[in-house]
Structure formats: C-alpha cells, structure tokens
C-alpha cells in the first residue's frame, strides 16, 4: 500500500509541479517536497487563512465547503485541495503545467489521497 510520502513524490514528479505539501488545517506540514528554494513550511503556514476565507465564501453563497481552489499568480499556480476534515493538499506549479490534467487527477484520486492521511 502506498504511503503519504509515495503520494507526494508521485505528484511532485509530474512535469511542471514545483512543490507538493500535505498539511493539517493548522498549517503544519505532514509531508512535503519542493524544488530548492521552496520553503514548504513557510508556504504551508499561509494556507489556513485561504481555507477559512474560501469556506466562508462557499457557505455564504450556499455553495458549501471548499473542495479545490486554484490561485493563479504571475509565475504559476497554487492549488489548494481539502482532502479530509484534517488534511489539505497544496500543489505549487509552473505556468507550463497541464493544469486541466493535474486538476482531474487530484479530483479523481481525492478519496485515495484522503485514505493516506
């Protein structure tokens, strides 16, 4: 059976993926890998406020809790995916990533990812 480390490595190995972090909703890193220069703990610490704001937006608009958020920045993407009540997956990707395929794979494997955390 694959481990959380295997999951992180498999996503990290995708072309265009710069970092993958599994973290608790408190922002503490459970596991993570990134290119040199990416401080996974520092990046993870910024995720909880995004989760809170996205959940509040979803609830106030009656759309429900956050499943996945895609943030497009000048030089890449940040994908935040709530995989369980306790864990979040953060993927940082370059602008060249096949975003549609990556999002599809994350959504398709959400239950498998949740079972590992």
PDB file of N, CA and C in Angstrom:
ATOM      1  N   UNK A   1       0.847  -1.185   0.000  1.00  0.00           N
ATOM      2  CA  UNK A   1       0.000   0.000   0.000  1.00  0.00           C
ATOM      3  C   UNK A   1       0.888   1.243   0.000  1.00  0.00           C
ATOM      4  N   UNK A   2       0.556   2.207  -0.860  1.00  0.00           N
ATOM      5  CA  UNK A   2       1.372   3.422  -0.923  1.00  0.00           C
ATOM      6  C   UNK A   2       1.254   4.241   0.359  1.00  0.00           C
ATOM      7  N   UNK A   3       2.280   5.014   0.620  1.00  0.00           N
ATOM      8  CA  UNK A   3       2.299   5.881   1.790  1.00  0.00           C
ATOM      9  C   UNK A   3       2.080   7.325   1.349  1.00  0.00           C
ATOM     10  N   UNK A   4       1.938   8.187   2.322  1.00  0.00           N
ATOM     11  CA  UNK A   4       1.782   9.611   2.024  1.00  0.00           C
ATOM     12  C   UNK A   4       3.025  10.151   1.320  1.00  0.00           C
ATOM     13  N   UNK A   5       4.179   9.627   1.687  1.00  0.00           N
ATOM     14  CA  UNK A   5       5.428  10.044   1.034  1.00  0.00           C
ATOM     15  C   UNK A   5       5.420   9.637  -0.442  1.00  0.00           C
ATOM     16  N   UNK A   6       4.885   8.443  -0.736  1.00  0.00           N
ATOM     17  CA  UNK A   6       4.773   7.986  -2.124  1.00  0.00           C
ATOM     18  C   UNK A   6       3.845   8.899  -2.918  1.00  0.00           C
ATOM     19  N   UNK A   7       2.745   9.283  -2.296  1.00  0.00           N
ATOM     20  CA  UNK A   7       1.778  10.172  -2.941  1.00  0.00           C
ATOM     21  C   UNK A   7       2.434  11.509  -3.277  1.00  0.00           C
ATOM     22  N   UNK A   8       3.101  12.092  -2.302  1.00  0.00           N
ATOM     23  CA  UNK A   8       3.755  13.385  -2.502  1.00  0.00           C
ATOM     24  C   UNK A   8       4.783  13.275  -3.628  1.00  0.00           C
ATOM     25  N   UNK A   9       5.567  12.198  -3.620  1.00  0.00           N
ATOM     26  CA  UNK A   9       6.591  12.007  -4.656  1.00  0.00           C
ATOM     27  C   UNK A   9       5.957  11.841  -6.036  1.00  0.00           C
ATOM     28  N   UNK A  10       4.858  11.102  -6.120  1.00  0.00           N
ATOM     29  CA  UNK A  10       4.211  10.871  -7.409  1.00  0.00           C
ATOM     30  C   UNK A  10       3.680  12.176  -8.000  1.00  0.00           C
ATOM     31  N   UNK A  11       3.089  13.004  -7.182  1.00  0.00           N
ATOM     32  CA  UNK A  11       2.582  14.291  -7.678  1.00  0.00           C
ATOM     33  C   UNK A  11       3.750  15.206  -8.015  1.00  0.00           C
ATOM     34  N   UNK A  12       4.755  15.211  -7.164  1.00  0.00           N
ATOM     35  CA  UNK A  12       5.928  16.081  -7.359  1.00  0.00           C
ATOM     36  C   UNK A  12       6.667  15.750  -8.656  1.00  0.00           C
ATOM     37  N   UNK A  13       6.622  14.486  -9.073  1.00  0.00           N
ATOM     38  CA  UNK A  13       7.323  14.060 -10.285  1.00  0.00           C
ATOM     39  C   UNK A  13       6.640  14.493 -11.577  1.00  0.00           C
ATOM     40  N   UNK A  14       5.416  15.006 -11.470  1.00  0.00           N
ATOM     41  CA  UNK A  14       4.704  15.453 -12.669  1.00  0.00           C
ATOM     42  C   UNK A  14       5.400  16.678 -13.261  1.00  0.00           C
ATOM     43  N   UNK A  15       5.413  16.753 -14.566  1.00  0.00           N
ATOM     44  CA  UNK A  15       6.031  17.883 -15.241  1.00  0.00           C
ATOM     45  C   UNK A  15       5.315  19.179 -14.870  1.00  0.00           C
ATOM     46  N   UNK A  16       6.079  20.181 -14.470  1.00  0.00           N
ATOM     47  CA  UNK A  16       5.526  21.487 -14.130  1.00  0.00           C
ATOM     48  C   UNK A  16       5.185  21.665 -12.664  1.00  0.00           C
ATOM     49  N   UNK A  17       5.242  20.585 -11.873  1.00  0.00           N
ATOM     50  CA  UNK A  17       4.942  20.686 -10.444  1.00  0.00           C
ATOM     51  C   UNK A  17       6.221  21.085  -9.715  1.00  0.00           C
ATOM     52  N   UNK A  18       6.140  22.164  -8.961  1.00  0.00           N
ATOM     53  CA  UNK A  18       7.301  22.692  -8.252  1.00  0.00           C
ATOM     54  C   UNK A  18       7.365  22.245  -6.798  1.00  0.00           C
ATOM     55  N   UNK A  19       6.204  22.038  -6.187  1.00  0.00           N
ATOM     56  CA  UNK A  19       6.174  21.607  -4.783  1.00  0.00           C
ATOM     57  C   UNK A  19       4.832  20.960  -4.487  1.00  0.00           C
ATOM     58  N   UNK A  20       4.872  20.015  -3.553  1.00  0.00           N
ATOM     59  CA  UNK A  20       3.669  19.346  -3.070  1.00  0.00           C
ATOM     60  C   UNK A  20       3.774  19.284  -1.556  1.00  0.00           C
ATOM     61  N   UNK A  21       2.721  19.719  -0.879  1.00  0.00           N
ATOM     62  CA  UNK A  21       2.725  19.721   0.576  1.00  0.00           C
ATOM     63  C   UNK A  21       1.389  19.172   1.073  1.00  0.00           C
ATOM     64  N   UNK A  22       1.465  18.199   1.957  1.00  0.00           N
ATOM     65  CA  UNK A  22       0.287  17.748   2.682  1.00  0.00           C
ATOM     66  C   UNK A  22       0.406  18.385   4.055  1.00  0.00           C
ATOM     67  N   UNK A  23      -0.639  19.087   4.474  1.00  0.00           N
ATOM     68  CA  UNK A  23      -0.573  19.808   5.732  1.00  0.00           C
ATOM     69  C   UNK A  23      -1.883  19.683   6.478  1.00  0.00           C
ATOM     70  N   UNK A  24      -1.806  19.922   7.764  1.00  0.00           N
ATOM     71  CA  UNK A  24      -3.006  19.985   8.571  1.00  0.00           C
ATOM     72  C   UNK A  24      -3.679  21.326   8.370  1.00  0.00           C
ATOM     73  N   UNK A  25      -4.920  21.427   8.781  1.00  0.00           N
ATOM     74  CA  UNK A  25      -5.641  22.695   8.640  1.00  0.00           C
ATOM     75  C   UNK A  25      -5.058  23.792   9.516  1.00  0.00           C
ATOM     76  N   UNK A  26      -4.147  23.417  10.402  1.00  0.00           N
ATOM     77  CA  UNK A  26      -3.450  24.400  11.230  1.00  0.00           C
ATOM     78  C   UNK A  26      -2.217  24.963  10.538  1.00  0.00           C
ATOM     79  N   UNK A  27      -1.893  24.431   9.356  1.00  0.00           N
ATOM     80  CA  UNK A  27      -0.742  24.919   8.602  1.00  0.00           C
ATOM     81  C   UNK A  27       0.536  24.149   8.844  1.00  0.00           C
ATOM     82  N   UNK A  28       0.501  23.149   9.719  1.00  0.00           N
ATOM     83  CA  UNK A  28       1.703  22.365   9.985  1.00  0.00           C
ATOM     84  C   UNK A  28       1.883  21.282   8.925  1.00  0.00           C
ATOM     85  N   UNK A  29       3.102  21.145   8.439  1.00  0.00           N
ATOM     86  CA  UNK A  29       3.412  20.208   7.363  1.00  0.00           C
ATOM     87  C   UNK A  29       3.379  18.777   7.876  1.00  0.00           C
ATOM     88  N   UNK A  30       2.653  17.925   7.159  1.00  0.00           N
ATOM     89  CA  UNK A  30       2.659  16.490   7.415  1.00  0.00           C
ATOM     90  C   UNK A  30       3.756  15.857   6.575  1.00  0.00           C
ATOM     91  N   UNK A  31       3.815  16.236   5.310  1.00  0.00           N
ATOM     92  CA  UNK A  31       4.881  15.801   4.408  1.00  0.00           C
ATOM     93  C   UNK A  31       4.931  16.777   3.253  1.00  0.00           C
ATOM     94  N   UNK A  32       6.092  16.947   2.676  1.00  0.00           N
ATOM     95  CA  UNK A  32       6.206  17.858   1.555  1.00  0.00           C
ATOM     96  C   UNK A  32       7.529  17.734   0.848  1.00  0.00           C
ATOM     97  N   UNK A  33       7.499  18.046  -0.428  1.00  0.00           N
ATOM     98  CA  UNK A  33       8.700  18.069  -1.250  1.00  0.00           C
ATOM     99  C   UNK A  33       8.596  19.249  -2.196  1.00  0.00           C
ATOM    100  N   UNK A  34       9.715  19.892  -2.438  1.00  0.00           N
ATOM    101  CA  UNK A  34       9.701  21.013  -3.363  1.00  0.00           C
ATOM    102  C   UNK A  34      11.057  21.251  -3.971  1.00  0.00           C
ATOM    103  N   UNK A  35      11.051  22.017  -5.039  1.00  0.00           N
ATOM    104  CA  UNK A  35      12.305  22.418  -5.658  1.00  0.00           C
ATOM    105  C   UNK A  35      13.133  23.190  -4.640  1.00  0.00           C
ATOM    106  N   UNK A  36      14.430  23.210  -4.861  1.00  0.00           N
ATOM    107  CA  UNK A  36      15.256  24.004  -3.965  1.00  0.00           C
ATOM    108  C   UNK A  36      14.799  25.456  -4.065  1.00  0.00           C
ATOM    109  N   UNK A  37      14.773  26.114  -2.950  1.00  0.00           N
ATOM    110  CA  UNK A  37      14.290  27.485  -2.906  1.00  0.00           C
ATOM    111  C   UNK A  37      12.837  27.600  -2.486  1.00  0.00           C
ATOM    112  N   UNK A  38      12.112  26.478  -2.462  1.00  0.00           N
ATOM    113  CA  UNK A  38      10.726  26.492  -1.996  1.00  0.00           C
ATOM    114  C   UNK A  38      10.717  26.015  -0.549  1.00  0.00           C
ATOM    115  N   UNK A  39      10.379  26.908   0.359  1.00  0.00           N
ATOM    116  CA  UNK A  39      10.297  26.578   1.778  1.00  0.00           C
ATOM    117  C   UNK A  39       8.890  26.066   2.056  1.00  0.00           C
ATOM    118  N   UNK A  40       8.740  24.746   2.067  1.00  0.00           N
ATOM    119  CA  UNK A  40       7.405  24.151   2.180  1.00  0.00           C
ATOM    120  C   UNK A  40       6.722  24.520   3.492  1.00  0.00           C
ATOM    121  N   UNK A  41       7.466  24.648   4.561  1.00  0.00           N
ATOM    122  CA  UNK A  41       6.852  25.016   5.841  1.00  0.00           C
ATOM    123  C   UNK A  41       6.347  26.458   5.814  1.00  0.00           C
ATOM    124  N   UNK A  42       7.106  27.334   5.220  1.00  0.00           N
ATOM    125  CA  UNK A  42       6.697  28.738   5.122  1.00  0.00           C
ATOM    126  C   UNK A  42       5.450  28.878   4.251  1.00  0.00           C
ATOM    127  N   UNK A  43       5.442  28.200   3.122  1.00  0.00           N
ATOM    128  CA  UNK A  43       4.298  28.254   2.215  1.00  0.00           C
ATOM    129  C   UNK A  43       3.067  27.664   2.893  1.00  0.00           C
ATOM    130  N   UNK A  44       3.225  26.524   3.560  1.00  0.00           N
ATOM    131  CA  UNK A  44       2.096  25.855   4.225  1.00  0.00           C
ATOM    132  C   UNK A  44       1.461  26.744   5.292  1.00  0.00           C
ATOM    133  N   UNK A  45       2.261  27.543   5.941  1.00  0.00           N
ATOM    134  CA  UNK A  45       1.741  28.415   7.001  1.00  0.00           C
ATOM    135  C   UNK A  45       0.747  29.445   6.465  1.00  0.00           C
ATOM    136  N   UNK A  46       0.787  29.722   5.162  1.00  0.00           N
ATOM    137  CA  UNK A  46      -0.119  30.701   4.564  1.00  0.00           C
ATOM    138  C   UNK A  46      -1.424  30.091   4.063  1.00  0.00           C
ATOM    139  N   UNK A  47      -1.562  28.791   4.119  1.00  0.00           N
ATOM    140  CA  UNK A  47      -2.753  28.131   3.583  1.00  0.00           C
ATOM    141  C   UNK A  47      -3.988  28.269   4.476  1.00  0.00           C
ATOM    142  N   UNK A  48      -3.891  28.147   5.805  1.00  0.00           N
ATOM    143  CA  UNK A  48      -5.111  28.213   6.631  1.00  0.00           C
ATOM    144  C   UNK A  48      -5.994  29.445   6.407  1.00  0.00           C
ATOM    145  N   UNK A  49      -5.451  30.642   6.284  1.00  0.00           N
ATOM    146  CA  UNK A  49      -6.348  31.781   6.023  1.00  0.00           C
ATOM    147  C   UNK A  49      -7.078  31.670   4.676  1.00  0.00           C
ATOM    148  N   UNK A  50      -6.419  31.076   3.684  1.00  0.00           N
ATOM    149  CA  UNK A  50      -7.068  30.862   2.389  1.00  0.00           C
ATOM    150  C   UNK A  50      -8.234  29.892   2.558  1.00  0.00           C
ATOM    151  N   UNK A  51      -8.013  28.816   3.312  1.00  0.00           N
ATOM    152  CA  UNK A  51      -9.071  27.835   3.565  1.00  0.00           C
ATOM    153  C   UNK A  51     -10.258  28.473   4.274  1.00  0.00           C
ATOM    154  N   UNK A  52      -9.975  29.245   5.293  1.00  0.00           N
ATOM    155  CA  UNK A  52     -11.044  29.874   6.064  1.00  0.00           C
ATOM    156  C   UNK A  52     -11.864  30.803   5.176  1.00  0.00           C
ATOM    157  N   UNK A  53     -11.186  31.650   4.408  1.00  0.00           N
ATOM    158  CA  UNK A  53     -11.891  32.592   3.537  1.00  0.00           C
ATOM    159  C   UNK A  53     -12.703  31.860   2.463  1.00  0.00           C
ATOM    160  N   UNK A  54     -12.124  30.822   1.876  1.00  0.00           N
ATOM    161  CA  UNK A  54     -12.832  30.072   0.833  1.00  0.00           C
ATOM    162  C   UNK A  54     -14.032  29.330   1.399  1.00  0.00           C
ATOM    163  N   UNK A  55     -13.883  28.745   2.581  1.00  0.00           N
ATOM    164  CA  UNK A  55     -15.017  28.067   3.221  1.00  0.00           C
ATOM    165  C   UNK A  55     -16.131  29.060   3.549  1.00  0.00           C
ATOM    166  N   UNK A  56     -15.770  30.228   4.066  1.00  0.00           N
ATOM    167  CA  UNK A  56     -16.777  31.239   4.386  1.00  0.00           C
ATOM    168  C   UNK A  56     -17.492  31.729   3.133  1.00  0.00           C
ATOM    169  N   UNK A  57     -16.748  31.911   2.054  1.00  0.00           N
ATOM    170  CA  UNK A  57     -17.355  32.322   0.792  1.00  0.00           C
ATOM    171  C   UNK A  57     -18.329  31.251   0.309  1.00  0.00           C
ATOM    172  N   UNK A  58     -17.910  29.996   0.358  1.00  0.00           N
ATOM    173  CA  UNK A  58     -18.776  28.906  -0.078  1.00  0.00           C
ATOM    174  C   UNK A  58     -20.030  28.779   0.763  1.00  0.00           C
ATOM    175  N   UNK A  59     -19.876  28.943   2.053  1.00  0.00           N
ATOM    176  CA  UNK A  59     -21.040  28.834   2.932  1.00  0.00           C
ATOM    177  C   UNK A  59     -21.990  30.014   2.746  1.00  0.00           C
ATOM    178  N   UNK A  60     -21.445  31.225   2.620  1.00  0.00           N
ATOM    179  CA  UNK A  60     -22.320  32.394   2.463  1.00  0.00           C
ATOM    180  C   UNK A  60     -23.012  32.402   1.102  1.00  0.00           C
ATOM    181  N   UNK A  61     -22.411  31.768   0.110  1.00  0.00           N
ATOM    182  CA  UNK A  61     -23.036  31.696  -1.214  1.00  0.00           C
ATOM    183  C   UNK A  61     -23.836  30.415  -1.398  1.00  0.00           C
ATOM    184  N   UNK A  62     -23.921  29.643  -0.334  1.00  0.00           N
ATOM    185  CA  UNK A  62     -24.637  28.367  -0.315  1.00  0.00           C
ATOM    186  C   UNK A  62     -24.049  27.342  -1.281  1.00  0.00           C
ATOM    187  N   UNK A  63     -22.753  27.467  -1.564  1.00  0.00           N
ATOM    188  CA  UNK A  63     -22.062  26.510  -2.433  1.00  0.00           C
ATOM    189  C   UNK A  63     -21.395  25.394  -1.625  1.00  0.00           C
ATOM    190  N   UNK A  64     -21.322  25.570  -0.306  1.00  0.00           N
ATOM    191  CA  UNK A  64     -20.727  24.543   0.549  1.00  0.00           C
ATOM    192  C   UNK A  64     -19.255  24.786   0.819  1.00  0.00           C
ATOM    193  N   UNK A  65     -18.661  23.822   1.489  1.00  0.00           N
ATOM    194  CA  UNK A  65     -17.254  23.928   1.894  1.00  0.00           C
ATOM    195  C   UNK A  65     -16.328  23.793   0.681  1.00  0.00           C
ATOM    196  N   UNK A  66     -15.151  24.320   0.829  1.00  0.00           N
ATOM    197  CA  UNK A  66     -14.134  24.271  -0.222  1.00  0.00           C
ATOM    198  C   UNK A  66     -13.752  22.833  -0.545  1.00  0.00           C
ATOM    199  N   UNK A  67     -13.676  22.536  -1.817  1.00  0.00           N
ATOM    200  CA  UNK A  67     -13.122  21.269  -2.297  1.00  0.00           C
ATOM    201  C   UNK A  67     -11.734  21.537  -2.879  1.00  0.00           C
ATOM    202  N   UNK A  68     -11.672  22.431  -3.864  1.00  0.00           N
ATOM    203  CA  UNK A  68     -10.411  22.776  -4.513  1.00  0.00           C
ATOM    204  C   UNK A  68     -10.436  24.247  -4.903  1.00  0.00           C
ATOM    205  N   UNK A  69      -9.324  24.911  -4.663  1.00  0.00           N
ATOM    206  CA  UNK A  69      -9.160  26.298  -5.099  1.00  0.00           C
ATOM    207  C   UNK A  69      -7.905  26.378  -5.961  1.00  0.00           C
ATOM    208  N   UNK A  70      -8.015  27.088  -7.062  1.00  0.00           N
ATOM    209  CA  UNK A  70      -6.870  27.299  -7.941  1.00  0.00           C
ATOM    210  C   UNK A  70      -6.573  28.785  -7.931  1.00  0.00           C
ATOM    211  N   UNK A  71      -5.382  29.113  -7.479  1.00  0.00           N
ATOM    212  CA  UNK A  71      -4.954  30.514  -7.430  1.00  0.00           C
ATOM    213  C   UNK A  71      -3.904  30.717  -8.518  1.00  0.00           C
ATOM    214  N   UNK A  72      -4.185  31.627  -9.415  1.00  0.00           N
ATOM    215  CA  UNK A  72      -3.248  31.909 -10.493  1.00  0.00           C
ATOM    216  C   UNK A  72      -2.434  33.141 -10.127  1.00  0.00           C
ATOM    217  N   UNK A  73      -1.126  32.964 -10.111  1.00  0.00           N
ATOM    218  CA  UNK A  73      -0.206  34.057  -9.801  1.00  0.00           C
ATOM    219  C   UNK A  73       0.571  34.419 -11.068  1.00  0.00           C
ATOM    220  N   UNK A  74       1.367  35.444 -10.988  1.00  0.00           N
ATOM    221  CA  UNK A  74       2.142  35.884 -12.153  1.00  0.00           C
ATOM    222  C   UNK A  74       3.032  34.790 -12.718  1.00  0.00           C
ATOM    223  N   UNK A  75       3.616  33.974 -11.838  1.00  0.00           N
ATOM    224  CA  UNK A  75       4.579  32.975 -12.286  1.00  0.00           C
ATOM    225  C   UNK A  75       4.179  31.557 -11.898  1.00  0.00           C
ATOM    226  N   UNK A  76       2.890  31.297 -11.827  1.00  0.00           N
ATOM    227  CA  UNK A  76       2.475  29.933 -11.558  1.00  0.00           C
ATOM    228  C   UNK A  76       1.163  29.833 -10.820  1.00  0.00           C
ATOM    229  N   UNK A  77       0.858  28.613 -10.407  1.00  0.00           N
ATOM    230  CA  UNK A  77      -0.406  28.299  -9.756  1.00  0.00           C
ATOM    231  C   UNK A  77      -0.176  27.735  -8.356  1.00  0.00           C
ATOM    232  N   UNK A  78      -1.136  27.986  -7.507  1.00  0.00           N
ATOM    233  CA  UNK A  78      -1.216  27.322  -6.207  1.00  0.00           C
ATOM    234  C   UNK A  78      -2.574  26.631  -6.180  1.00  0.00           C
ATOM    235  N   UNK A  79      -2.555  25.322  -5.990  1.00  0.00           N
ATOM    236  CA  UNK A  79      -3.784  24.541  -5.927  1.00  0.00           C
ATOM    237  C   UNK A  79      -3.940  24.063  -4.498  1.00  0.00           C
ATOM    238  N   UNK A  80      -5.061  24.415  -3.890  1.00  0.00           N
ATOM    239  CA  UNK A  80      -5.356  24.020  -2.515  1.00  0.00           C
ATOM    240  C   UNK A  80      -6.549  23.080  -2.576  1.00  0.00           C
ATOM    241  N   UNK A  81      -6.363  21.861  -2.085  1.00  0.00           N
ATOM    242  CA  UNK A  81      -7.422  20.866  -2.150  1.00  0.00           C
ATOM    243  C   UNK A  81      -7.660  20.284  -0.763  1.00  0.00           C
ATOM    244  N   UNK A  82      -8.884  20.417  -0.287  1.00  0.00           N
ATOM    245  CA  UNK A  82      -9.255  19.841   1.009  1.00  0.00           C
ATOM    246  C   UNK A  82      -9.479  18.345   0.790  1.00  0.00           C
ATOM    247  N   UNK A  83      -8.590  17.520   1.324  1.00  0.00           N
ATOM    248  CA  UNK A  83      -8.699  16.077   1.089  1.00  0.00           C
ATOM    249  C   UNK A  83      -9.404  15.348   2.219  1.00  0.00           C
ATOM    250  N   UNK A  84      -9.478  15.962   3.386  1.00  0.00           N
ATOM    251  CA  UNK A  84     -10.211  15.380   4.511  1.00  0.00           C
ATOM    252  C   UNK A  84     -10.543  16.504   5.487  1.00  0.00           C
ATOM    253  N   UNK A  85     -11.214  16.158   6.575  1.00  0.00           N
ATOM    254  CA  UNK A  85     -11.544  17.159   7.592  1.00  0.00           C
ATOM    255  C   UNK A  85     -10.286  17.707   8.262  1.00  0.00           C
ATOM    256  N   UNK A  86      -9.203  16.944   8.215  1.00  0.00           N
ATOM    257  CA  UNK A  86      -7.985  17.328   8.924  1.00  0.00           C
ATOM    258  C   UNK A  86      -6.815  17.696   8.024  1.00  0.00           C
ATOM    259  N   UNK A  87      -6.869  17.335   6.745  1.00  0.00           N
ATOM    260  CA  UNK A  87      -5.700  17.495   5.886  1.00  0.00           C
ATOM    261  C   UNK A  87      -6.025  18.229   4.595  1.00  0.00           C
ATOM    262  N   UNK A  88      -5.002  18.913   4.106  1.00  0.00           N
ATOM    263  CA  UNK A  88      -5.098  19.722   2.894  1.00  0.00           C
ATOM    264  C   UNK A  88      -3.895  19.390   2.020  1.00  0.00           C
ATOM    265  N   UNK A  89      -4.121  19.394   0.721  1.00  0.00           N
ATOM    266  CA  UNK A  89      -3.044  19.185  -0.235  1.00  0.00           C
ATOM    267  C   UNK A  89      -2.789  20.508  -0.943  1.00  0.00           C
ATOM    268  N   UNK A  90      -1.547  20.926  -0.947  1.00  0.00           N
ATOM    269  CA  UNK A  90      -1.128  22.136  -1.644  1.00  0.00           C
ATOM    270  C   UNK A  90      -0.160  21.733  -2.750  1.00  0.00           C
ATOM    271  N   UNK A  91      -0.453  22.164  -3.963  1.00  0.00           N
ATOM    272  CA  UNK A  91       0.427  21.905  -5.094  1.00  0.00           C
ATOM    273  C   UNK A  91       0.804  23.243  -5.702  1.00  0.00           C
ATOM    274  N   UNK A  92       2.094  23.497  -5.813  1.00  0.00           N
ATOM    275  CA  UNK A  92       2.594  24.686  -6.492  1.00  0.00           C
ATOM    276  C   UNK A  92       3.093  24.255  -7.857  1.00  0.00           C
ATOM    277  N   UNK A  93       2.665  24.956  -8.901  1.00  0.00           N
ATOM    278  CA  UNK A  93       3.006  24.539 -10.258  1.00  0.00           C
ATOM    279  C   UNK A  93       3.402  25.730 -11.109  1.00  0.00           C
ATOM    280  N   UNK A  94       4.220  25.452 -12.096  1.00  0.00           N
ATOM    281  CA  UNK A  94       4.662  26.484 -13.029  1.00  0.00           C
ATOM    282  C   UNK A  94       3.543  26.784 -14.028  1.00  0.00           C
ATOM    283  N   UNK A  95       3.654  27.881 -14.752  1.00  0.00           N
ATOM    284  CA  UNK A  95       2.629  28.222 -15.742  1.00  0.00           C
ATOM    285  C   UNK A  95       2.546  27.206 -16.882  1.00  0.00           C
ATOM    286  N   UNK A  96       3.568  26.368 -17.028  1.00  0.00           N
ATOM    287  CA  UNK A  96       3.590  25.399 -18.128  1.00  0.00           C
ATOM    288  C   UNK A  96       2.917  24.078 -17.779  1.00  0.00           C
ATOM    289  N   UNK A  97       2.466  23.916 -16.537  1.00  0.00           N
ATOM    290  CA  UNK A  97       1.852  22.659 -16.128  1.00  0.00           C
ATOM    291  C   UNK A  97       0.571  22.418 -16.921  1.00  0.00           C
ATOM    292  N   UNK A  98       0.254  21.159 -17.172  1.00  0.00           N
ATOM    293  CA  UNK A  98      -1.031  20.821 -17.784  1.00  0.00           C
ATOM    294  C   UNK A  98      -2.054  20.885 -16.656  1.00  0.00           C
ATOM    295  N   UNK A  99      -2.614  22.054 -16.455  1.00  0.00           N
ATOM    296  CA  UNK A  99      -3.471  22.319 -15.309  1.00  0.00           C
ATOM    297  C   UNK A  99      -4.731  21.458 -15.322  1.00  0.00           C
ATOM    298  N   UNK A 100      -5.355  21.321 -16.466  1.00  0.00           N
ATOM    299  CA  UNK A 100      -6.591  20.528 -16.543  1.00  0.00           C
ATOM    300  C   UNK A 100      -6.332  19.074 -16.143  1.00  0.00           C
ATOM    301  N   UNK A 101      -5.267  18.501 -16.650  1.00  0.00           N
ATOM    302  CA  UNK A 101      -4.955  17.113 -16.325  1.00  0.00           C
ATOM    303  C   UNK A 101      -4.613  16.960 -14.843  1.00  0.00           C
ATOM    304  N   UNK A 102      -3.853  17.904 -14.295  1.00  0.00           N
ATOM    305  CA  UNK A 102      -3.493  17.847 -12.883  1.00  0.00           C
ATOM    306  C   UNK A 102      -4.736  17.943 -12.005  1.00  0.00           C
ATOM    307  N   UNK A 103      -5.618  18.868 -12.295  1.00  0.00           N
ATOM    308  CA  UNK A 103      -6.851  19.007 -11.517  1.00  0.00           C
ATOM    309  C   UNK A 103      -7.720  17.758 -11.617  1.00  0.00           C
ATOM    310  N   UNK A 104      -7.803  17.185 -12.803  1.00  0.00           N
ATOM    311  CA  UNK A 104      -8.573  15.954 -12.984  1.00  0.00           C
ATOM    312  C   UNK A 104      -8.010  14.831 -12.117  1.00  0.00           C
ATOM    313  N   UNK A 105      -6.694  14.675 -12.135  1.00  0.00           N
ATOM    314  CA  UNK A 105      -6.058  13.605 -11.354  1.00  0.00           C
ATOM    315  C   UNK A 105      -6.256  13.826  -9.858  1.00  0.00           C
ATOM    316  N   UNK A 106      -6.148  15.054  -9.412  1.00  0.00           N
ATOM    317  CA  UNK A 106      -6.353  15.341  -7.992  1.00  0.00           C
ATOM    318  C   UNK A 106      -7.791  15.037  -7.585  1.00  0.00           C
ATOM    319  N   UNK A 107      -8.739  15.436  -8.407  1.00  0.00           N
ATOM    320  CA  UNK A 107     -10.152  15.180  -8.097  1.00  0.00           C
ATOM    321  C   UNK A 107     -10.451  13.684  -8.139  1.00  0.00           C
ATOM    322  N   UNK A 108      -9.956  13.005  -9.147  1.00  0.00           N
ATOM    323  CA  UNK A 108     -10.217  11.572  -9.313  1.00  0.00           C
ATOM    324  C   UNK A 108      -9.636  10.760  -8.158  1.00  0.00           C
ATOM    325  N   UNK A 109      -8.522  11.226  -7.613  1.00  0.00           N
ATOM    326  CA  UNK A 109      -7.841  10.473  -6.558  1.00  0.00           C
ATOM    327  C   UNK A 109      -8.065  11.042  -5.163  1.00  0.00           C
ATOM    328  N   UNK A 110      -9.022  11.942  -4.994  1.00  0.00           N
ATOM    329  CA  UNK A 110      -9.268  12.585  -3.705  1.00  0.00           C
ATOM    330  C   UNK A 110      -9.492  11.556  -2.593  1.00  0.00           C
ATOM    331  N   UNK A 111     -10.292  10.539  -2.846  1.00  0.00           N
ATOM    332  CA  UNK A 111     -10.576   9.525  -1.817  1.00  0.00           C
ATOM    333  C   UNK A 111      -9.324   8.726  -1.477  1.00  0.00           C
ATOM    334  N   UNK A 112      -8.522   8.391  -2.480  1.00  0.00           N
ATOM    335  CA  UNK A 112      -7.273   7.661  -2.218  1.00  0.00           C
ATOM    336  C   UNK A 112      -6.313   8.516  -1.409  1.00  0.00           C
ATOM    337  N   UNK A 113      -6.237   9.790  -1.754  1.00  0.00           N
ATOM    338  CA  UNK A 113      -5.361  10.701  -1.018  1.00  0.00           C
ATOM    339  C   UNK A 113      -5.835  10.814   0.423  1.00  0.00           C
ATOM    340  N   UNK A 114      -7.135  10.967   0.615  1.00  0.00           N
ATOM    341  CA  UNK A 114      -7.697  11.099   1.971  1.00  0.00           C
ATOM    342  C   UNK A 114      -7.422   9.861   2.801  1.00  0.00           C
ATOM    343  N   UNK A 115      -7.428   8.700   2.191  1.00  0.00           N
ATOM    344  CA  UNK A 115      -7.194   7.467   2.949  1.00  0.00           C
ATOM    345  C   UNK A 115      -5.767   7.361   3.470  1.00  0.00           C
ATOM    346  N   UNK A 116      -4.850   8.127   2.872  1.00  0.00           N
ATOM    347  CA  UNK A 116      -3.450   8.072   3.298  1.00  0.00           C
ATOM    348  C   UNK A 116      -3.131   9.021   4.446  1.00  0.00           C
ATOM    349  N   UNK A 117      -4.006   9.989   4.663  1.00  0.00           N
ATOM    350  CA  UNK A 117      -3.729  10.969   5.735  1.00  0.00           C
ATOM    351  C   UNK A 117      -4.545  10.771   6.961  1.00  0.00           C
TER     352      UNK A 117
END
